[in-house]
Amino acid sequence: MDIQTLTEFFMICTLINSGFLLLWSIIYKLMPDVVYRLQSMWFPISRETFDISFYAFLAMFKIFVIVFCFVPWMALLIMG
């Protein structure tokens, strides 16, 4: 596998994961009650705990996207 192929892979990976992050953020921003109702049907959880959990999930996902997708893509761009 050459550097160009890896660069394209990490670029596509970054775009897809950033798209998911943006989609989840927009859905939660526009319809927080709907998201809470859907999740509370499966898991008995208070609204405050759900808000904190969802915010933590978005934060961790953003960190993972940056560390495992964006940074390798930038490193390969610099190398290439």
PDB file of N, CA and C in Angstrom:
ATOM      1  N   MET A   1       0.844  -1.167   0.000  1.00  0.00           N
ATOM      2  CA  MET A   1       0.000   0.000   0.000  1.00  0.00           C
ATOM      3  C   MET A   1       0.896   1.238   0.000  1.00  0.00           C
ATOM      4  N   ASP A   2       0.647   2.150  -0.902  1.00  0.00           N
ATOM      5  CA  ASP A   2       1.496   3.340  -0.986  1.00  0.00           C
ATOM      6  C   ASP A   2       0.886   4.508  -0.205  1.00  0.00           C
ATOM      7  N   ILE A   3       1.679   5.576  -0.087  1.00  0.00           N
ATOM      8  CA  ILE A   3       1.268   6.739   0.703  1.00  0.00           C
ATOM      9  C   ILE A   3       0.030   7.397   0.116  1.00  0.00           C
ATOM     10  N   GLN A   4      -0.078   7.452  -1.197  1.00  0.00           N
ATOM     11  CA  GLN A   4      -1.237   8.089  -1.840  1.00  0.00           C
ATOM     12  C   GLN A   4      -2.532   7.354  -1.478  1.00  0.00           C
ATOM     13  N   THR A   5      -2.501   6.037  -1.497  1.00  0.00           N
ATOM     14  CA  THR A   5      -3.689   5.245  -1.150  1.00  0.00           C
ATOM     15  C   THR A   5      -4.074   5.460   0.312  1.00  0.00           C
ATOM     16  N   LEU A   6      -3.089   5.450   1.206  1.00  0.00           N
ATOM     17  CA  LEU A   6      -3.363   5.686   2.618  1.00  0.00           C
ATOM     18  C   LEU A   6      -3.900   7.104   2.857  1.00  0.00           C
ATOM     19  N   THR A   7      -3.359   8.070   2.139  1.00  0.00           N
ATOM     20  CA  THR A   7      -3.828   9.450   2.273  1.00  0.00           C
ATOM     21  C   THR A   7      -5.291   9.553   1.871  1.00  0.00           C
ATOM     22  N   GLU A   8      -5.650   8.945   0.760  1.00  0.00           N
ATOM     23  CA  GLU A   8      -7.046   8.964   0.314  1.00  0.00           C
ATOM     24  C   GLU A   8      -7.954   8.236   1.302  1.00  0.00           C
ATOM     25  N   PHE A   9      -7.477   7.101   1.837  1.00  0.00           N
ATOM     26  CA  PHE A   9      -8.264   6.353   2.816  1.00  0.00           C
ATOM     27  C   PHE A   9      -8.566   7.215   4.036  1.00  0.00           C
ATOM     28  N   PHE A  10      -7.538   7.851   4.600  1.00  0.00           N
ATOM     29  CA  PHE A  10      -7.757   8.656   5.801  1.00  0.00           C
ATOM     30  C   PHE A  10      -8.566   9.915   5.499  1.00  0.00           C
ATOM     31  N   MET A  11      -8.471  10.450   4.291  1.00  0.00           N
ATOM     32  CA  MET A  11      -9.297  11.588   3.923  1.00  0.00           C
ATOM     33  C   MET A  11     -10.763  11.177   3.898  1.00  0.00           C
ATOM     34  N   ILE A  12     -11.065  10.061   3.254  1.00  0.00           N
ATOM     35  CA  ILE A  12     -12.447   9.583   3.178  1.00  0.00           C
ATOM     36  C   ILE A  12     -12.954   9.213   4.572  1.00  0.00           C
ATOM     37  N   CYS A  13     -12.108   8.587   5.358  1.00  0.00           N
ATOM     38  CA  CYS A  13     -12.457   8.226   6.731  1.00  0.00           C
ATOM     39  C   CYS A  13     -12.797   9.479   7.553  1.00  0.00           C
ATOM     40  N   THR A  14     -11.997  10.514   7.407  1.00  0.00           N
ATOM     41  CA  THR A  14     -12.237  11.761   8.116  1.00  0.00           C
ATOM     42  C   THR A  14     -13.544  12.399   7.672  1.00  0.00           C
ATOM     43  N   LEU A  15     -13.799  12.424   6.384  1.00  0.00           N
ATOM     44  CA  LEU A  15     -15.034  13.031   5.874  1.00  0.00           C
ATOM     45  C   LEU A  15     -16.274  12.274   6.339  1.00  0.00           C
ATOM     46  N   ILE A  16     -16.238  10.963   6.280  1.00  0.00           N
ATOM     47  CA  ILE A  16     -17.398  10.164   6.699  1.00  0.00           C
ATOM     48  C   ILE A  16     -17.663  10.334   8.194  1.00  0.00           C
ATOM     49  N   ASN A  17     -16.622  10.202   8.994  1.00  0.00           N
ATOM     50  CA  ASN A  17     -16.809  10.329  10.442  1.00  0.00           C
ATOM     51  C   ASN A  17     -17.187  11.748  10.856  1.00  0.00           C
ATOM     52  N   SER A  18     -16.650  12.753  10.176  1.00  0.00           N
ATOM     53  CA  SER A  18     -17.044  14.130  10.462  1.00  0.00           C
ATOM     54  C   SER A  18     -18.500  14.355  10.074  1.00  0.00           C
ATOM     55  N   GLY A  19     -18.923  13.729   8.996  1.00  0.00           N
ATOM     56  CA  GLY A  19     -20.325  13.814   8.588  1.00  0.00           C
ATOM     57  C   GLY A  19     -21.250  13.209   9.631  1.00  0.00           C
ATOM     58  N   PHE A  20     -20.878  12.041  10.163  1.00  0.00           N
ATOM     59  CA  PHE A  20     -21.672  11.434  11.233  1.00  0.00           C
ATOM     60  C   PHE A  20     -21.725  12.334  12.462  1.00  0.00           C
ATOM     61  N   LEU A  21     -20.589  12.892  12.837  1.00  0.00           N
ATOM     62  CA  LEU A  21     -20.545  13.783  13.990  1.00  0.00           C
ATOM     63  C   LEU A  21     -21.438  15.000  13.776  1.00  0.00           C
ATOM     64  N   LEU A  22     -21.371  15.586  12.597  1.00  0.00           N
ATOM     65  CA  LEU A  22     -22.211  16.732  12.279  1.00  0.00           C
ATOM     66  C   LEU A  22     -23.687  16.345  12.284  1.00  0.00           C
ATOM     67  N   LEU A  23     -24.020  15.206  11.692  1.00  0.00           N
ATOM     68  CA  LEU A  23     -25.406  14.747  11.648  1.00  0.00           C
ATOM     69  C   LEU A  23     -25.961  14.533  13.053  1.00  0.00           C
ATOM     70  N   TRP A  24     -25.221  13.817  13.914  1.00  0.00           N
ATOM     71  CA  TRP A  24     -25.689  13.578  15.275  1.00  0.00           C
ATOM     72  C   TRP A  24     -25.826  14.881  16.054  1.00  0.00           C
ATOM     73  N   SER A  25     -24.904  15.815  15.841  1.00  0.00           N
ATOM     74  CA  SER A  25     -24.984  17.101  16.538  1.00  0.00           C
ATOM     75  C   SER A  25     -26.208  17.887  16.091  1.00  0.00           C
ATOM     76  N   ILE A  26     -26.480  17.904  14.798  1.00  0.00           N
ATOM     77  CA  ILE A  26     -27.639  18.639  14.279  1.00  0.00           C
ATOM     78  C   ILE A  26     -28.940  18.003  14.757  1.00  0.00           C
ATOM     79  N   ILE A  27     -29.021  16.682  14.681  1.00  0.00           N
ATOM     80  CA  ILE A  27     -30.235  16.003  15.143  1.00  0.00           C
ATOM     81  C   ILE A  27     -30.480  16.292  16.622  1.00  0.00           C
ATOM     82  N   TYR A  28     -29.427  16.210  17.422  1.00  0.00           N
ATOM     83  CA  TYR A  28     -29.605  16.463  18.856  1.00  0.00           C
ATOM     84  C   TYR A  28     -29.947  17.925  19.126  1.00  0.00           C
ATOM     85  N   LYS A  29     -29.394  18.837  18.338  1.00  0.00           N
ATOM     86  CA  LYS A  29     -29.678  20.255  18.537  1.00  0.00           C
ATOM     87  C   LYS A  29     -31.113  20.600  18.133  1.00  0.00           C
ATOM     88  N   LEU A  30     -31.601  19.984  17.044  1.00  0.00           N
ATOM     89  CA  LEU A  30     -32.934  20.298  16.543  1.00  0.00           C
ATOM     90  C   LEU A  30     -34.047  19.529  17.255  1.00  0.00           C
ATOM     91  N   MET A  31     -33.762  18.289  17.669  1.00  0.00           N
ATOM     92  CA  MET A  31     -34.806  17.435  18.248  1.00  0.00           C
ATOM     93  C   MET A  31     -34.336  16.730  19.516  1.00  0.00           C
ATOM     94  N   PRO A  32     -33.950  17.464  20.552  1.00  0.00           N
ATOM     95  CA  PRO A  32     -33.427  16.782  21.747  1.00  0.00           C
ATOM     96  C   PRO A  32     -34.489  15.943  22.463  1.00  0.00           C
ATOM     97  N   ASP A  33     -35.745  16.406  22.450  1.00  0.00           N
ATOM     98  CA  ASP A  33     -36.790  15.649  23.129  1.00  0.00           C
ATOM     99  C   ASP A  33     -37.072  14.326  22.429  1.00  0.00           C
ATOM    100  N   VAL A  34     -37.064  14.328  21.106  1.00  0.00           N
ATOM    101  CA  VAL A  34     -37.298  13.096  20.349  1.00  0.00           C
ATOM    102  C   VAL A  34     -36.182  12.093  20.616  1.00  0.00           C
ATOM    103  N   VAL A  35     -34.951  12.557  20.600  1.00  0.00           N
ATOM    104  CA  VAL A  35     -33.814  11.668  20.856  1.00  0.00           C
ATOM    105  C   VAL A  35     -33.905  11.105  22.272  1.00  0.00           C
ATOM    106  N   TYR A  36     -34.245  11.953  23.233  1.00  0.00           N
ATOM    107  CA  TYR A  36     -34.366  11.480  24.618  1.00  0.00           C
ATOM    108  C   TYR A  36     -35.492  10.454  24.752  1.00  0.00           C
ATOM    109  N   ARG A  37     -36.648  10.723  24.142  1.00  0.00           N
ATOM    110  CA  ARG A  37     -37.767   9.776  24.234  1.00  0.00           C
ATOM    111  C   ARG A  37     -37.415   8.427  23.622  1.00  0.00           C
ATOM    112  N   LEU A  38     -36.735   8.449  22.474  1.00  0.00           N
ATOM    113  CA  LEU A  38     -36.344   7.184  21.844  1.00  0.00           C
ATOM    114  C   LEU A  38     -35.402   6.377  22.732  1.00  0.00           C
ATOM    115  N   GLN A  39     -34.437   7.044  23.325  1.00  0.00           N
ATOM    116  CA  GLN A  39     -33.465   6.343  24.159  1.00  0.00           C
ATOM    117  C   GLN A  39     -34.059   5.926  25.501  1.00  0.00           C
ATOM    118  N   SER A  40     -34.942   6.749  26.059  1.00  0.00           N
ATOM    119  CA  SER A  40     -35.508   6.404  27.369  1.00  0.00           C
ATOM    120  C   SER A  40     -36.504   5.258  27.273  1.00  0.00           C
ATOM    121  N   MET A  41     -36.967   4.924  26.077  1.00  0.00           N
ATOM    122  CA  MET A  41     -37.817   3.742  25.923  1.00  0.00           C
ATOM    123  C   MET A  41     -37.013   2.478  26.210  1.00  0.00           C
ATOM    124  N   TRP A  42     -35.735   2.477  25.869  1.00  0.00           N
ATOM    125  CA  TRP A  42     -34.889   1.300  26.061  1.00  0.00           C
ATOM    126  C   TRP A  42     -34.158   1.311  27.394  1.00  0.00           C
ATOM    127  N   PHE A  43     -33.734   2.488  27.812  1.00  0.00           N
ATOM    128  CA  PHE A  43     -32.936   2.611  29.025  1.00  0.00           C
ATOM    129  C   PHE A  43     -33.589   3.628  29.955  1.00  0.00           C
ATOM    130  N   PRO A  44     -33.949   3.222  31.162  1.00  0.00           N
ATOM    131  CA  PRO A  44     -34.521   4.195  32.112  1.00  0.00           C
ATOM    132  C   PRO A  44     -33.422   5.142  32.603  1.00  0.00           C
ATOM    133  N   ILE A  45     -33.478   6.381  32.160  1.00  0.00           N
ATOM    134  CA  ILE A  45     -32.426   7.345  32.463  1.00  0.00           C
ATOM    135  C   ILE A  45     -33.061   8.727  32.617  1.00  0.00           C
ATOM    136  N   SER A  46     -32.548   9.513  33.529  1.00  0.00           N
ATOM    137  CA  SER A  46     -33.080  10.860  33.718  1.00  0.00           C
ATOM    138  C   SER A  46     -32.612  11.764  32.579  1.00  0.00           C
ATOM    139  N   ARG A  47     -33.312  12.855  32.388  1.00  0.00           N
ATOM    140  CA  ARG A  47     -32.966  13.775  31.301  1.00  0.00           C
ATOM    141  C   ARG A  47     -31.580  14.388  31.510  1.00  0.00           C
ATOM    142  N   GLU A  48     -31.278  14.750  32.732  1.00  0.00           N
ATOM    143  CA  GLU A  48     -29.971  15.366  33.011  1.00  0.00           C
ATOM    144  C   GLU A  48     -28.832  14.387  32.728  1.00  0.00           C
ATOM    145  N   THR A  49     -29.009  13.147  33.144  1.00  0.00           N
ATOM    146  CA  THR A  49     -27.991  12.128  32.900  1.00  0.00           C
ATOM    147  C   THR A  49     -27.851  11.859  31.410  1.00  0.00           C
ATOM    148  N   PHE A  50     -28.969  11.837  30.708  1.00  0.00           N
ATOM    149  CA  PHE A  50     -28.924  11.623  29.261  1.00  0.00           C
ATOM    150  C   PHE A  50     -28.185  12.760  28.564  1.00  0.00           C
ATOM    151  N   ASP A  51     -28.480  13.997  28.943  1.00  0.00           N
ATOM    152  CA  ASP A  51     -27.801  15.136  28.323  1.00  0.00           C
ATOM    153  C   ASP A  51     -26.289  15.069  28.533  1.00  0.00           C
ATOM    154  N   ILE A  52     -25.881  14.737  29.744  1.00  0.00           N
ATOM    155  CA  ILE A  52     -24.447  14.624  30.037  1.00  0.00           C
ATOM    156  C   ILE A  52     -23.829  13.470  29.248  1.00  0.00           C
ATOM    157  N   SER A  53     -24.520  12.336  29.202  1.00  0.00           N
ATOM    158  CA  SER A  53     -24.006  11.173  28.475  1.00  0.00           C
ATOM    159  C   SER A  53     -23.879  11.460  26.981  1.00  0.00           C
ATOM    160  N   PHE A  54     -24.876  12.114  26.418  1.00  0.00           N
ATOM    161  CA  PHE A  54     -24.835  12.391  24.985  1.00  0.00           C
ATOM    162  C   PHE A  54     -23.736  13.396  24.659  1.00  0.00           C
ATOM    163  N   TYR A  55     -23.590  14.401  25.500  1.00  0.00           N
ATOM    164  CA  TYR A  55     -22.518  15.374  25.299  1.00  0.00           C
ATOM    165  C   TYR A  55     -21.146  14.695  25.407  1.00  0.00           C
ATOM    166  N   ALA A  56     -21.002  13.798  26.373  1.00  0.00           N
ATOM    167  CA  ALA A  56     -19.738  13.068  26.529  1.00  0.00           C
ATOM    168  C   ALA A  56     -19.476  12.176  25.320  1.00  0.00           C
ATOM    169  N   PHE A  57     -20.527  11.539  24.804  1.00  0.00           N
ATOM    170  CA  PHE A  57     -20.390  10.711  23.606  1.00  0.00           C
ATOM    171  C   PHE A  57     -19.902  11.548  22.421  1.00  0.00           C
ATOM    172  N   LEU A  58     -20.516  12.706  22.206  1.00  0.00           N
ATOM    173  CA  LEU A  58     -20.096  13.563  21.096  1.00  0.00           C
ATOM    174  C   LEU A  58     -18.654  14.033  21.277  1.00  0.00           C
ATOM    175  N   ALA A  59     -18.291  14.363  22.490  1.00  0.00           N
ATOM    176  CA  ALA A  59     -16.923  14.814  22.759  1.00  0.00           C
ATOM    177  C   ALA A  59     -15.908  13.701  22.498  1.00  0.00           C
ATOM    178  N   MET A  60     -16.194  12.492  22.970  1.00  0.00           N
ATOM    179  CA  MET A  60     -15.277  11.375  22.758  1.00  0.00           C
ATOM    180  C   MET A  60     -15.189  10.999  21.273  1.00  0.00           C
ATOM    181  N   PHE A  61     -16.323  11.025  20.595  1.00  0.00           N
ATOM    182  CA  PHE A  61     -16.311  10.703  19.172  1.00  0.00           C
ATOM    183  C   PHE A  61     -15.480  11.729  18.404  1.00  0.00           C
ATOM    184  N   LYS A  62     -15.613  13.005  18.775  1.00  0.00           N
ATOM    185  CA  LYS A  62     -14.821  14.051  18.121  1.00  0.00           C
ATOM    186  C   LYS A  62     -13.327  13.834  18.360  1.00  0.00           C
ATOM    187  N   ILE A  63     -12.968  13.486  19.575  1.00  0.00           N
ATOM    188  CA  ILE A  63     -11.559  13.223  19.890  1.00  0.00           C
ATOM    189  C   ILE A  63     -11.051  12.039  19.076  1.00  0.00           C
ATOM    190  N   PHE A  64     -11.849  10.965  18.987  1.00  0.00           N
ATOM    191  CA  PHE A  64     -11.445   9.793  18.207  1.00  0.00           C
ATOM    192  C   PHE A  64     -11.285  10.126  16.729  1.00  0.00           C
ATOM    193  N   VAL A  65     -12.185  10.926  16.184  1.00  0.00           N
ATOM    194  CA  VAL A  65     -12.082  11.321  14.777  1.00  0.00           C
ATOM    195  C   VAL A  65     -10.801  12.120  14.552  1.00  0.00           C
ATOM    196  N   ILE A  66     -10.517  13.028  15.448  1.00  0.00           N
ATOM    197  CA  ILE A  66      -9.309  13.840  15.303  1.00  0.00           C
ATOM    198  C   ILE A  66      -8.058  12.975  15.412  1.00  0.00           C
ATOM    199  N   VAL A  67      -8.002  12.131  16.442  1.00  0.00           N
ATOM    200  CA  VAL A  67      -6.785  11.353  16.709  1.00  0.00           C
ATOM    201  C   VAL A  67      -6.566  10.242  15.680  1.00  0.00           C
ATOM    202  N   PHE A  68      -7.639   9.516  15.324  1.00  0.00           N
ATOM    203  CA  PHE A  68      -7.464   8.331  14.488  1.00  0.00           C
ATOM    204  C   PHE A  68      -7.743   8.557  13.003  1.00  0.00           C
ATOM    205  N   CYS A  69      -8.293   9.695  12.628  1.00  0.00           N
ATOM    206  CA  CYS A  69      -8.564   9.955  11.205  1.00  0.00           C
ATOM    207  C   CYS A  69      -7.858  11.216  10.708  1.00  0.00           C
ATOM    208  N   PHE A  70      -8.115  12.331  11.375  1.00  0.00           N
ATOM    209  CA  PHE A  70      -7.605  13.609  10.891  1.00  0.00           C
ATOM    210  C   PHE A  70      -6.086  13.727  11.018  1.00  0.00           C
ATOM    211  N   VAL A  71      -5.559  13.380  12.175  1.00  0.00           N
ATOM    212  CA  VAL A  71      -4.104  13.501  12.394  1.00  0.00           C
ATOM    213  C   VAL A  71      -3.309  12.597  11.443  1.00  0.00           C
ATOM    214  N   PRO A  72      -3.696  11.317  11.272  1.00  0.00           N
ATOM    215  CA  PRO A  72      -2.957  10.508  10.291  1.00  0.00           C
ATOM    216  C   PRO A  72      -3.058  11.064   8.866  1.00  0.00           C
ATOM    217  N   TRP A  73      -4.214  11.599   8.509  1.00  0.00           N
ATOM    218  CA  TRP A  73      -4.378  12.200   7.178  1.00  0.00           C
ATOM    219  C   TRP A  73      -3.436  13.379   7.009  1.00  0.00           C
ATOM    220  N   MET A  74      -3.368  14.256   8.017  1.00  0.00           N
ATOM    221  CA  MET A  74      -2.469  15.406   7.927  1.00  0.00           C
ATOM    222  C   MET A  74      -1.015  14.948   7.884  1.00  0.00           C
ATOM    223  N   ALA A  75      -0.665  13.942   8.663  1.00  0.00           N
ATOM    224  CA  ALA A  75       0.718  13.442   8.667  1.00  0.00           C
ATOM    225  C   ALA A  75       1.083  12.875   7.293  1.00  0.00           C
ATOM    226  N   LEU A  76       0.156  12.140   6.686  1.00  0.00           N
ATOM    227  CA  LEU A  76       0.441  11.593   5.354  1.00  0.00           C
ATOM    228  C   LEU A  76       0.512  12.694   4.291  1.00  0.00           C
ATOM    229  N   LEU A  77      -0.305  13.738   4.442  1.00  0.00           N
ATOM    230  CA  LEU A  77      -0.206  14.864   3.507  1.00  0.00           C
ATOM    231  C   LEU A  77       1.157  15.542   3.612  1.00  0.00           C
ATOM    232  N   ILE A  78       1.645  15.698   4.836  1.00  0.00           N
ATOM    233  CA  ILE A  78       2.952  16.322   5.032  1.00  0.00           C
ATOM    234  C   ILE A  78       4.065  15.438   4.478  1.00  0.00           C
ATOM    235  N   MET A  79       3.937  14.124   4.682  1.00  0.00           N
ATOM    236  CA  MET A  79       4.948  13.187   4.184  1.00  0.00           C
ATOM    237  C   MET A  79       4.974  13.136   2.647  1.00  0.00           C
ATOM    238  N   GLY A  80       3.764  13.224   2.048  1.00  0.00           N
ATOM    239  CA  GLY A  80       3.668  13.065   0.607  1.00  0.00           C
ATOM    240  C   GLY A  80       4.038  14.317  -0.082  1.00  0.00           C
TER     241      GLY A  80
END
